[in-house]
N, C-alpha and C. Protein backbone atom coordinates (compact mmCIF):
# COMPACT_ATOMS: atom_id res chain seq x y z
N MET A 1 -14.60 4.25 1.83
CA MET A 1 -13.88 4.22 0.71
C MET A 1 -12.15 3.33 1.14
N THR A 2 -11.49 3.82 1.86
CA THR A 2 -10.24 3.16 2.46
C THR A 2 -10.60 2.18 3.93
N GLU A 3 -11.41 2.85 4.53
CA GLU A 3 -12.07 1.81 5.44
C GLU A 3 -12.31 0.23 5.42
N ASP A 4 -12.24 0.44 4.24
CA ASP A 4 -13.54 -1.08 4.27
C ASP A 4 -12.24 -2.03 3.36
N ARG A 5 -11.41 -1.48 2.94
CA ARG A 5 -10.38 -2.22 2.55
C ARG A 5 -9.38 -2.80 3.58
N VAL A 6 -8.24 -4.17 3.33
CA VAL A 6 -7.55 -4.85 4.23
C VAL A 6 -6.52 -4.36 3.55
N TRP A 7 -5.40 -3.41 4.68
CA TRP A 7 -4.02 -3.19 4.26
C TRP A 7 -3.10 -3.87 4.76
N ARG A 8 -1.94 -3.96 3.77
CA ARG A 8 -0.79 -5.09 4.52
C ARG A 8 0.45 -4.08 4.58
N LYS A 9 1.22 -4.17 5.19
CA LYS A 9 2.30 -3.14 5.15
C LYS A 9 3.53 -3.60 4.70
N SER A 10 4.34 -2.80 4.02
CA SER A 10 5.16 -3.73 3.63
C SER A 10 6.44 -4.01 4.28
N SER A 11 6.97 -4.93 3.82
CA SER A 11 8.01 -5.83 4.85
C SER A 11 8.97 -4.95 5.06
N TYR A 12 9.62 -3.53 4.41
CA TYR A 12 10.93 -2.88 4.43
C TYR A 12 10.11 -2.28 5.87
N SER A 13 8.88 -2.31 6.69
CA SER A 13 8.73 -1.54 8.42
C SER A 13 9.36 -2.78 9.16
N ASN A 14 9.78 -3.44 8.48
CA ASN A 14 10.57 -4.56 9.65
C ASN A 14 9.73 -5.58 10.28
N GLY A 15 8.14 -5.40 9.77
CA GLY A 15 7.23 -5.89 10.49
C GLY A 15 6.69 -5.64 11.92
N THR A 16 7.00 -4.48 12.21
CA THR A 16 6.71 -3.99 13.48
C THR A 16 5.67 -3.14 13.49
N PRO A 17 4.43 -3.09 14.48
CA PRO A 17 3.99 -1.89 14.67
C PRO A 17 4.35 -0.10 14.36
N GLU A 18 5.28 -0.56 14.89
CA GLU A 18 6.03 1.05 15.30
C GLU A 18 6.82 1.08 13.89
N GLY A 19 7.15 0.31 12.97
CA GLY A 19 8.24 0.56 11.90
C GLY A 19 7.12 1.61 10.46
N ASP A 20 7.86 2.36 10.33
CA ASP A 20 6.94 3.28 9.63
C ASP A 20 7.44 3.00 8.08
N CYS A 21 6.35 3.12 6.94
CA CYS A 21 6.74 2.39 5.80
C CYS A 21 5.07 3.17 4.81
N VAL A 22 5.29 2.39 4.37
CA VAL A 22 3.87 2.56 3.17
C VAL A 22 2.66 0.92 3.45
N GLU A 23 1.91 0.95 3.24
CA GLU A 23 1.04 0.37 3.43
C GLU A 23 0.04 -0.13 2.12
N VAL A 24 -0.20 -0.88 1.61
CA VAL A 24 -0.75 -1.43 0.25
C VAL A 24 -2.51 -2.31 0.36
N SER A 25 -3.22 -1.58 -0.09
CA SER A 25 -4.71 -2.93 -0.42
C SER A 25 -4.86 -2.79 -1.65
N LEU A 26 -5.09 -4.42 -2.13
CA LEU A 26 -5.19 -5.02 -3.55
C LEU A 26 -6.66 -5.39 -3.16
N ALA A 27 -7.14 -4.89 -4.14
CA ALA A 27 -8.52 -5.18 -4.64
C ALA A 27 -9.28 -5.27 -6.03
N GLN A 28 -10.19 -4.62 -6.75
CA GLN A 28 -10.14 -4.23 -7.80
C GLN A 28 -8.49 -3.65 -8.59
N ASP A 29 -8.45 -2.65 -7.56
CA ASP A 29 -6.87 -1.11 -8.38
C ASP A 29 -6.26 -2.31 -7.06
N ALA A 30 -4.68 -1.27 -6.81
CA ALA A 30 -3.99 -1.21 -5.62
C ALA A 30 -3.90 0.18 -5.60
N ARG A 31 -4.35 0.37 -4.09
CA ARG A 31 -3.96 1.25 -3.29
C ARG A 31 -2.82 1.82 -2.40
N VAL A 32 -1.93 2.83 -2.34
CA VAL A 32 -0.83 2.76 -1.71
C VAL A 32 -1.09 3.94 -0.43
N ARG A 33 -0.82 3.99 0.56
CA ARG A 33 -0.77 5.13 1.62
C ARG A 33 0.68 4.90 2.87
N ASP A 34 0.45 5.71 3.38
CA ASP A 34 1.42 6.46 4.29
C ASP A 34 1.00 5.32 5.80
N SER A 35 1.76 4.76 6.09
CA SER A 35 1.37 3.82 7.50
C SER A 35 1.37 4.91 8.48
N LYS A 36 1.89 5.87 8.64
CA LYS A 36 1.52 7.29 9.85
C LYS A 36 0.64 7.67 9.71
N ASN A 37 0.34 8.05 8.62
CA ASN A 37 -0.70 8.95 8.63
C ASN A 37 -2.07 8.03 7.60
N GLN A 38 -2.73 7.00 8.03
CA GLN A 38 -3.62 6.33 7.45
C GLN A 38 -4.83 6.94 7.27
N ALA A 39 -5.47 8.06 7.74
CA ALA A 39 -6.51 8.82 6.74
C ALA A 39 -6.22 9.91 5.92
N GLY A 40 -4.58 10.00 5.71
CA GLY A 40 -4.26 10.66 4.63
C GLY A 40 -4.52 10.76 3.55
N GLU A 41 -3.55 11.18 2.59
CA GLU A 41 -3.82 10.96 0.46
C GLU A 41 -3.82 9.41 0.66
N VAL A 42 -4.40 9.15 -0.56
CA VAL A 42 -4.00 7.77 -1.15
C VAL A 42 -3.70 7.42 -2.61
N LEU A 43 -2.52 6.95 -2.73
CA LEU A 43 -2.31 6.73 -4.07
C LEU A 43 -3.30 5.45 -4.94
N THR A 44 -4.13 5.55 -6.06
CA THR A 44 -4.74 4.65 -6.64
C THR A 44 -3.87 4.27 -7.96
N PHE A 45 -4.02 2.67 -8.13
CA PHE A 45 -3.11 2.27 -9.23
C PHE A 45 -3.83 1.10 -10.46
N SER A 46 -3.78 1.09 -11.45
CA SER A 46 -4.82 0.28 -11.56
C SER A 46 -3.83 -1.59 -11.53
N THR A 47 -4.85 -2.32 -11.59
CA THR A 47 -3.60 -3.81 -11.18
C THR A 47 -3.00 -3.54 -12.58
N SER A 48 -2.99 -3.55 -13.84
CA SER A 48 -1.63 -3.76 -14.96
C SER A 48 -0.80 -2.71 -13.95
N ALA A 49 -1.14 -1.66 -14.04
CA ALA A 49 0.21 -0.51 -13.42
C ALA A 49 0.86 -0.92 -12.45
N TRP A 50 0.19 -1.49 -11.52
CA TRP A 50 1.04 -2.19 -9.97
C TRP A 50 1.61 -3.44 -10.67
N ARG A 51 1.05 -3.96 -11.56
CA ARG A 51 2.03 -4.90 -11.52
C ARG A 51 3.49 -4.46 -12.46
N ALA A 52 3.09 -3.71 -13.69
CA ALA A 52 4.37 -2.81 -14.35
C ALA A 52 5.63 -2.58 -13.19
N PHE A 53 4.77 -1.84 -11.98
CA PHE A 53 5.72 -1.01 -11.20
C PHE A 53 6.61 -2.19 -10.79
N LEU A 54 6.21 -3.31 -9.95
CA LEU A 54 6.37 -4.49 -8.97
C LEU A 54 7.31 -5.10 -10.04
N ASP A 55 7.30 -5.31 -11.30
CA ASP A 55 7.94 -6.02 -12.22
C ASP A 55 9.21 -5.43 -12.46
N LYS A 56 9.32 -3.92 -12.26
CA LYS A 56 10.11 -3.03 -12.02
C LYS A 56 11.66 -3.30 -10.90
N ALA A 57 10.44 -3.05 -9.86
CA ALA A 57 11.37 -3.12 -8.37
C ALA A 57 11.92 -4.30 -8.08
N LEU A 58 10.81 -5.28 -8.83
CA LEU A 58 11.33 -6.89 -7.62
C LEU A 58 12.73 -6.75 -9.23
C-alpha cells in the first residue's frame, strides 16, 4: 500500500536525511507518516480535508 507511493519529507526536518519529522504522500488522497517509523501507522485524509488543514495551517 504505502510502498507504491512517493513520499516527501516535511521542510521542518531541515531537509536532511537525519532530520526526523513527518512525510506526506499525495495521490488520490493525502497520507502522513512518521519519518522515523516508515513502516508504522499512516494517517489518511481526503483531498478536501487535506486542503482545509493546509488552509488553516498556513
